[in-house]
Protein backbone atom coordinates (compact mmCIF):
# COMPACT_ATOMS: atom_id res chain seq x y z
CA MET A 1 -56.59 -35.32 22.12
CA ALA A 2 -59.60 -37.42 19.82
CA LEU A 3 -61.87 -39.25 21.28
CA ALA A 4 -62.54 -42.75 19.71
CA ALA A 5 -66.13 -43.20 17.67
CA THR A 6 -68.50 -45.22 19.18
CA ALA A 7 -71.78 -46.54 19.75
CA LEU A 8 -72.95 -43.43 22.26
CA PRO A 9 -71.13 -40.49 22.40
CA PHE A 10 -70.98 -40.76 26.27
CA ASP A 11 -69.32 -43.99 25.75
CA ASP A 12 -66.01 -42.58 25.31
CA ILE A 13 -65.86 -40.38 27.92
CA ARG A 14 -66.46 -42.98 30.75
CA ALA A 15 -63.74 -44.91 28.96
CA LEU A 16 -61.39 -42.03 29.02
CA ILE A 17 -61.63 -42.07 32.73
CA LYS A 18 -60.95 -45.27 33.60
CA LEU A 19 -57.43 -44.29 31.47
CA MET A 20 -56.90 -41.71 33.90
CA PRO A 21 -53.28 -41.69 35.37
CA ASP A 22 -52.39 -42.28 38.92
CA LEU A 23 -50.46 -39.43 40.80
CA SER A 24 -46.85 -39.57 41.36
CA THR A 25 -46.38 -40.69 45.06
CA GLU A 26 -42.57 -40.35 44.37
CA ALA A 27 -42.91 -37.49 42.99
CA VAL A 28 -44.15 -36.67 46.23
CA GLU A 29 -41.41 -37.99 48.34
CA ALA A 30 -38.92 -36.22 46.27
CA VAL A 31 -40.58 -33.01 47.14
CA ARG A 32 -40.37 -33.76 50.96
CA GLN A 33 -37.37 -34.75 50.78
CA ARG A 34 -35.78 -31.64 49.69
CA ASP A 35 -38.32 -29.34 51.84
CA ARG A 36 -36.31 -30.93 55.02
CA GLN A 37 -33.29 -29.63 54.11
CA LEU A 38 -35.12 -26.01 53.47
CA THR A 39 -33.75 -22.89 55.83
CA LYS A 40 -37.52 -22.88 58.07
CA PRO A 41 -38.70 -24.40 60.21
CA PRO A 42 -40.84 -27.63 59.34
CA GLY A 43 -44.23 -27.08 58.44
CA SER A 44 -43.21 -23.38 58.18
CA LEU A 45 -45.13 -22.08 54.62
CA GLY A 46 -47.91 -23.91 55.40
CA ARG A 47 -50.25 -24.71 52.29
CA LEU A 48 -47.62 -23.08 50.18
CA GLU A 49 -45.49 -26.36 50.63
CA GLU A 50 -49.17 -28.44 50.26
CA VAL A 51 -49.55 -26.91 46.88
CA VAL A 52 -45.59 -27.72 45.33
CA GLU A 53 -46.38 -31.83 46.58
CA TRP A 54 -49.54 -31.40 44.30
CA LEU A 55 -47.87 -29.87 41.12
CA ALA A 56 -45.33 -32.94 41.81
CA ALA A 57 -47.69 -34.77 42.23
CA VAL A 58 -49.56 -34.59 39.48
CA GLN A 59 -47.18 -33.55 36.70
CA GLY A 60 -45.40 -36.81 38.15
CA THR A 61 -41.56 -34.73 38.18
CA ALA A 62 -39.83 -33.15 41.23
CA PRO A 63 -39.42 -30.26 41.67
CA PRO A 64 -42.29 -29.66 38.95
CA THR A 65 -42.42 -26.38 37.37
CA VAL A 66 -45.17 -23.64 36.25
CA SER A 67 -43.58 -21.93 33.06
CA ARG A 68 -45.76 -21.82 31.09
CA PRO A 69 -49.44 -21.17 33.29
CA MET A 70 -52.67 -20.57 30.72
CA VAL A 71 -56.14 -19.27 31.91
CA ALA A 72 -58.73 -21.00 29.26
CA VAL A 73 -61.99 -18.88 29.15
CA PHE A 74 -65.13 -20.62 27.70
CA ALA A 75 -68.07 -18.26 26.57
CA ALA A 76 -71.54 -19.43 25.72
CA ASN A 77 -75.18 -18.71 25.28
CA HIS A 78 -78.15 -20.33 27.06
CA GLY A 79 -81.85 -20.55 26.47
CA VAL A 80 -82.99 -19.84 29.49
CA VAL A 81 -82.20 -16.52 29.42
CA ALA A 82 -85.52 -15.81 28.21
CA GLN A 83 -86.72 -17.04 32.04
CA GLY A 84 -86.25 -13.65 33.03
CA VAL A 85 -82.92 -14.99 34.68
CA SER A 86 -80.15 -12.34 34.54
CA PRO A 87 -80.59 -8.25 33.99
CA TYR A 88 -78.13 -8.37 31.19
CA PRO A 89 -79.41 -9.68 27.54
CA PRO A 90 -77.54 -12.63 25.95
CA GLU A 91 -75.59 -10.38 23.31
CA VAL A 92 -73.33 -9.13 26.50
CA THR A 93 -71.58 -12.60 26.37
CA ARG A 94 -70.23 -11.31 22.82
CA GLN A 95 -69.95 -8.14 23.67
CA MET A 96 -67.43 -9.56 26.54
CA LEU A 97 -65.73 -11.45 24.46
CA GLU A 98 -64.55 -8.39 22.29
CA ASN A 99 -63.38 -6.69 26.23
CA PHE A 100 -61.12 -9.67 26.44
CA SER A 101 -59.97 -9.41 23.14
CA ALA A 102 -59.00 -5.80 23.50
CA GLY A 103 -57.15 -6.18 26.57
CA GLY A 104 -60.29 -4.74 28.60
CA ALA A 105 -61.56 -7.06 31.25
CA ALA A 106 -60.33 -7.48 34.78
CA ILE A 107 -58.84 -10.65 33.38
CA ASN A 108 -56.67 -9.50 31.33
CA GLN A 109 -54.61 -7.16 33.84
CA ILE A 110 -54.26 -10.26 36.04
CA CYS A 111 -53.11 -12.00 33.56
CA SER A 112 -50.66 -9.15 32.41
CA SER A 113 -49.53 -9.19 35.95
CA PHE A 114 -48.31 -12.08 36.69
CA ASP A 115 -47.48 -13.38 32.73
CA ILE A 116 -50.45 -15.92 32.81
CA GLY A 117 -51.21 -16.66 29.02
CA LEU A 118 -55.06 -16.46 28.16
CA LYS A 119 -57.23 -18.21 25.22
CA VAL A 120 -60.68 -17.67 24.69
CA PHE A 121 -62.66 -20.03 23.34
CA ASP A 122 -66.25 -19.00 21.26
CA LEU A 123 -68.48 -21.71 21.55
CA ALA A 124 -71.30 -21.21 18.62
CA LEU A 125 -72.42 -17.58 21.08
CA ASP A 126 -75.03 -17.24 18.12
CA ILE A 127 -76.75 -20.14 18.95
CA PRO A 128 -78.02 -20.46 22.62
CA THR A 129 -78.61 -23.80 24.43
CA GLY A 130 -81.97 -24.80 24.59
CA ASP A 131 -84.06 -23.28 27.79
CA ILE A 132 -83.58 -26.26 29.95
CA THR A 133 -87.08 -25.20 31.28
CA GLN A 134 -88.61 -26.24 28.39
CA GLY A 135 -86.46 -29.36 26.91
CA PRO A 136 -82.79 -30.93 26.88
CA ALA A 137 -79.94 -28.37 26.74
CA MET A 138 -78.05 -30.14 24.35
CA ASP A 139 -78.39 -33.73 22.60
CA GLU A 140 -75.65 -36.07 23.76
CA ALA A 141 -73.93 -36.14 20.29
CA ALA A 142 -73.76 -32.39 20.75
CA CYS A 143 -72.43 -32.01 24.56
CA ALA A 144 -69.97 -35.17 23.82
CA ALA A 145 -68.91 -32.98 20.64
CA THR A 146 -68.33 -30.27 23.00
CA MET A 147 -66.22 -31.92 25.80
CA ALA A 148 -63.74 -32.54 22.90
CA PHE A 149 -63.16 -29.53 22.07
CA GLY A 150 -62.89 -28.70 25.43
CA MET A 151 -59.86 -30.98 25.15
CA GLU A 152 -58.11 -28.76 23.13
CA ALA A 153 -57.29 -26.40 25.78
CA VAL A 154 -54.40 -28.15 27.02
CA ALA A 155 -52.99 -28.32 23.51
CA GLY A 156 -49.63 -26.09 23.16
CA GLY A 157 -47.83 -27.40 26.16
CA THR A 158 -49.25 -25.63 29.17
CA ASP A 159 -47.62 -27.06 33.12
CA LEU A 160 -50.90 -24.94 34.60
CA LEU A 161 -54.56 -24.54 33.35
CA VAL A 162 -56.52 -22.15 35.12
CA LEU A 163 -60.23 -22.87 33.71
CA GLY A 164 -62.74 -19.84 33.44
CA GLU A 165 -66.14 -18.65 31.44
CA MET A 166 -68.29 -16.28 30.39
CA GLY A 167 -72.38 -16.33 29.46
CA ILE A 168 -75.40 -14.61 30.49
CA GLY A 169 -77.35 -16.70 32.37
CA ASN A 170 -75.02 -19.76 33.23
CA THR A 171 -74.84 -19.15 37.28
CA THR A 172 -78.87 -20.41 36.40
CA ILE A 173 -77.76 -23.22 34.55
CA ALA A 174 -74.46 -23.89 37.58
CA ALA A 175 -77.47 -23.70 39.69
CA ALA A 176 -79.57 -26.15 38.42
CA ILE A 177 -76.72 -28.65 37.88
CA TYR A 178 -75.65 -28.47 41.60
CA HIS A 179 -79.92 -29.05 42.59
CA ALA A 180 -79.76 -31.90 40.43
CA LEU A 181 -76.84 -33.56 41.51
CA TYR A 182 -76.90 -32.40 45.21
CA GLY A 183 -80.81 -32.32 46.18
CA GLY A 184 -82.18 -30.01 48.61
CA GLU A 185 -84.60 -27.13 47.14
CA ALA A 186 -83.45 -24.97 44.12
CA ARG A 187 -83.16 -21.79 46.16
CA ASP A 188 -80.26 -23.99 47.88
CA TRP A 189 -78.28 -23.29 44.79
CA VAL A 190 -79.07 -19.89 43.59
CA GLY A 191 -77.13 -16.43 43.76
CA ARG A 192 -77.62 -12.89 42.56
CA GLY A 193 -75.21 -13.90 39.45
CA THR A 194 -75.03 -10.54 37.30
CA GLY A 195 -77.11 -9.02 39.82
CA VAL A 196 -80.73 -9.75 39.74
CA ASP A 197 -83.37 -8.17 41.81
CA ASP A 198 -85.81 -9.63 44.41
CA ALA A 199 -88.27 -10.29 41.28
CA GLY A 200 -85.76 -11.56 39.25
CA LEU A 201 -84.09 -13.84 42.17
CA GLN A 202 -87.92 -15.71 41.72
CA ARG A 203 -87.63 -16.20 38.69
CA LYS A 204 -84.29 -17.49 38.57
CA THR A 205 -85.26 -19.99 41.33
CA ALA A 206 -88.23 -21.24 39.97
CA ALA A 207 -86.70 -21.88 36.74
CA VAL A 208 -84.02 -23.86 38.43
CA ALA A 209 -87.42 -25.53 40.36
CA ALA A 210 -89.09 -26.36 37.22
CA ALA A 211 -85.68 -27.33 35.15
CA VAL A 212 -84.81 -30.09 37.74
CA ALA A 213 -88.33 -31.12 37.63
CA ARG A 214 -89.02 -31.32 34.07
CA HIS A 215 -85.33 -33.80 33.70
CA LYS A 216 -86.33 -35.56 37.05
CA ALA A 217 -86.64 -38.64 35.34
CA HIS A 218 -83.32 -38.65 33.65
CA LEU A 219 -81.01 -37.12 36.25
CA ALA A 220 -78.98 -40.35 37.60
CA ASP A 221 -76.74 -40.20 35.29
CA PRO A 222 -74.24 -37.34 35.64
CA LEU A 223 -73.49 -36.94 32.14
CA GLU A 224 -77.41 -36.79 31.32
CA VAL A 225 -77.40 -33.90 33.97
CA LEU A 226 -74.86 -32.11 32.12
CA ARG A 227 -76.35 -32.81 28.61
CA ARG A 228 -79.88 -31.80 30.05
CA LEU A 229 -79.06 -28.57 32.20
CA GLY A 230 -75.87 -27.63 31.30
CA GLY A 231 -74.66 -25.58 29.07
CA ARG A 232 -71.57 -25.69 26.14
CA GLU A 233 -69.54 -23.94 28.46
CA ILE A 234 -69.82 -26.74 31.34
CA ALA A 235 -69.08 -29.45 28.97
CA ALA A 236 -66.28 -27.85 27.52
CA MET A 237 -64.59 -27.10 30.98
CA ALA A 238 -65.68 -31.09 31.84
CA GLY A 239 -63.23 -31.67 28.43
CA ALA A 240 -60.69 -29.64 29.70
CA ILE A 241 -60.30 -31.44 32.68
CA LEU A 242 -60.51 -34.68 31.93
CA ALA A 243 -58.18 -33.85 29.12
CA ALA A 244 -55.30 -32.16 31.67
CA ARG A 245 -55.65 -35.39 33.61
CA SER A 246 -54.52 -37.56 30.55
CA GLU A 247 -51.70 -35.03 29.91
CA ARG A 248 -50.36 -34.69 33.55
CA VAL A 249 -51.71 -30.82 33.58
CA PRO A 250 -52.73 -29.28 37.64
CA VAL A 251 -55.67 -27.27 36.83
CA VAL A 252 -56.60 -24.81 38.89
CA LEU A 253 -61.20 -24.88 39.04
CA ASP A 254 -62.45 -20.52 39.59
CA GLY A 255 -65.98 -20.44 41.03
CA TYR A 256 -68.98 -20.91 40.90
CA VAL A 257 -69.73 -21.80 37.44
CA VAL A 258 -66.31 -23.62 36.84
CA CYS A 259 -67.09 -25.94 39.72
CA ALA A 260 -70.15 -27.17 38.06
CA ALA A 261 -68.67 -28.49 34.96
CA ALA A 262 -65.97 -30.47 38.23
CA ALA A 263 -69.17 -31.36 40.05
CA VAL A 264 -70.36 -33.91 37.40
CA LEU A 265 -66.98 -35.11 37.09
CA HIS A 266 -66.82 -35.92 40.76
CA ALA A 267 -69.81 -37.21 40.55
CA LEU A 268 -69.12 -39.79 37.83
CA ASP A 269 -65.72 -40.93 39.77
CA PRO A 270 -64.46 -38.57 42.86
CA ARG A 271 -60.93 -39.28 41.17
CA THR A 272 -61.39 -37.25 38.32
CA LEU A 273 -60.54 -34.00 40.55
CA ASP A 274 -57.28 -34.94 42.08
CA HIS A 275 -55.51 -32.81 39.54
CA CYS A 276 -57.65 -29.84 40.49
CA ILE A 277 -57.23 -27.32 43.38
CA ALA A 278 -59.81 -25.02 44.10
CA GLY A 279 -58.41 -20.97 43.42
CA HIS A 280 -60.74 -19.37 44.99
CA LEU A 281 -63.59 -19.25 46.92
CA SER A 282 -66.63 -17.10 45.39
CA ALA A 283 -69.43 -14.62 46.92
CA GLU A 284 -71.90 -16.26 44.53
CA GLY A 285 -74.47 -19.17 45.14
CA ALA A 286 -74.17 -21.68 47.93
CA HIS A 287 -70.03 -21.72 46.34
CA GLY A 288 -69.00 -22.85 49.59
CA GLU A 289 -71.28 -26.31 49.99
CA VAL A 290 -70.17 -27.19 46.74
CA LEU A 291 -66.31 -26.83 47.52
CA ARG A 292 -67.06 -28.87 51.07
CA ARG A 293 -68.93 -31.43 48.91
CA LEU A 294 -65.92 -31.78 46.11
CA GLY A 295 -63.51 -31.99 49.18
CA LYS A 296 -62.01 -28.98 48.12
CA GLN A 297 -59.83 -26.02 50.02
CA PRO A 298 -59.51 -22.54 48.38
CA LEU A 299 -57.02 -20.78 48.34
CA LEU A 300 -57.52 -17.29 48.14
CA ASP A 301 -61.20 -15.77 50.07
CA LEU A 302 -61.60 -12.01 48.45
CA GLY A 303 -65.34 -11.80 48.06
CA MET A 304 -65.38 -12.23 44.37
CA ARG A 305 -68.07 -13.45 41.68
CA LEU A 306 -66.86 -12.24 38.68
CA GLY A 307 -66.06 -15.20 37.21
CA GLU A 308 -63.62 -15.24 33.83
CA ALA A 309 -61.35 -17.18 35.90
CA SER A 310 -59.87 -14.13 37.51
CA GLY A 311 -60.06 -15.56 41.25
CA GLY A 312 -58.46 -19.13 39.74
CA ALA A 313 -55.61 -16.16 37.73
CA LEU A 314 -54.85 -14.34 41.25
CA ALA A 315 -54.45 -18.01 42.79
CA VAL A 316 -51.69 -18.82 40.20
CA ALA A 317 -49.48 -15.82 41.87
CA VAL A 318 -49.58 -17.86 45.29
CA ILE A 319 -48.72 -20.84 43.88
CA LYS A 320 -46.08 -19.28 41.50
CA ALA A 321 -45.01 -18.11 45.12
CA ALA A 322 -44.72 -21.57 46.45
CA LEU A 323 -43.06 -23.15 44.00
CA ALA A 324 -40.47 -20.11 43.87
CA CYS A 325 -39.89 -21.03 48.13
CA HIS A 326 -39.11 -24.64 47.02
CA ARG A 327 -37.10 -24.26 44.10
CA GLY A 328 -34.60 -20.97 45.27
CA MET A 329 -34.66 -21.44 48.99
CA ALA A 330 -31.26 -22.53 50.09
CA THR A 331 -30.82 -25.69 51.61
CA PHE A 332 -29.10 -25.61 55.39
CA ALA A 333 -25.94 -26.81 54.08
CA GLN A 334 -25.73 -24.43 51.36
CA ALA A 335 -26.36 -21.37 53.55
CA GLY A 336 -24.30 -22.57 56.13
CA VAL A 337 -27.34 -22.57 59.02
CA THR A 338 -27.38 -25.11 61.93
CA ASP A 339 -30.11 -27.68 61.09
CA LYS A 340 -31.98 -28.76 64.40
CA ALA A 341 -30.51 -31.41 66.72
């Protein structure tokens, strides 16, 4: 998906949001009609029934399909790591990408278990974004270009996209975005990430507070929040979410960092997330409060905080099961079972 050139790079993003297709009420009604005929009491599958309706609404078809699910993991490095916000050095980001390539990470095992494709995107790991406590992470052109790059994640015909990330320091970046968008105190949004000790948590909180204070005059615009406080993986995931909406591809959001990209778009227009579902509730930071503000109820709550799309990929198993029930269950007529009077 290509963006047209305009006077300002972010103008293309705003224009794309205005062109988002509506969700299909007709497909939802068709799903509900079939659901009423299946051999079960109405509503007895709970959220599984809602999941199928969501898939149909986004894809615009009934019954919907999940035959080519794909996990996209975006990886980037961050200048704010210089502030001592992580116990791990930036080179761990590349080492983990090599681990993904070798099949040795948790996400590899989850994708293999549930027949999910996996793509990993290296977003200029050797060039960290700017230290947000000292200046902007990116300029507008670079941020918009990275969003455009992220849009390519939906290429290849996937029918369900799971977003994930990898980047030392990116829970600090996510916390800064939430603090800028939602206010409160920096400590309200800061968690321990990859396991900082108490001193590291203080440094992390101080970095988030300093960054938001430095950029305060420019944070009324959510896209300015993204480019000043964000990272390349956050920008790319925001682009992927927008492209998926344009292509009618349902999106599963992973945890705390992925939802920072979603939060930026939600602040621009809440409808930008109508095609997204929260895969799980992360144990990191204030993810539960973020999901509340986004209006998303997580499918799973397993105490996970790994990132790399691990929770979102696990949610695909639930989504597949929901669709299998809808498509494969017999109707009362087919099974010769007496329906209620």
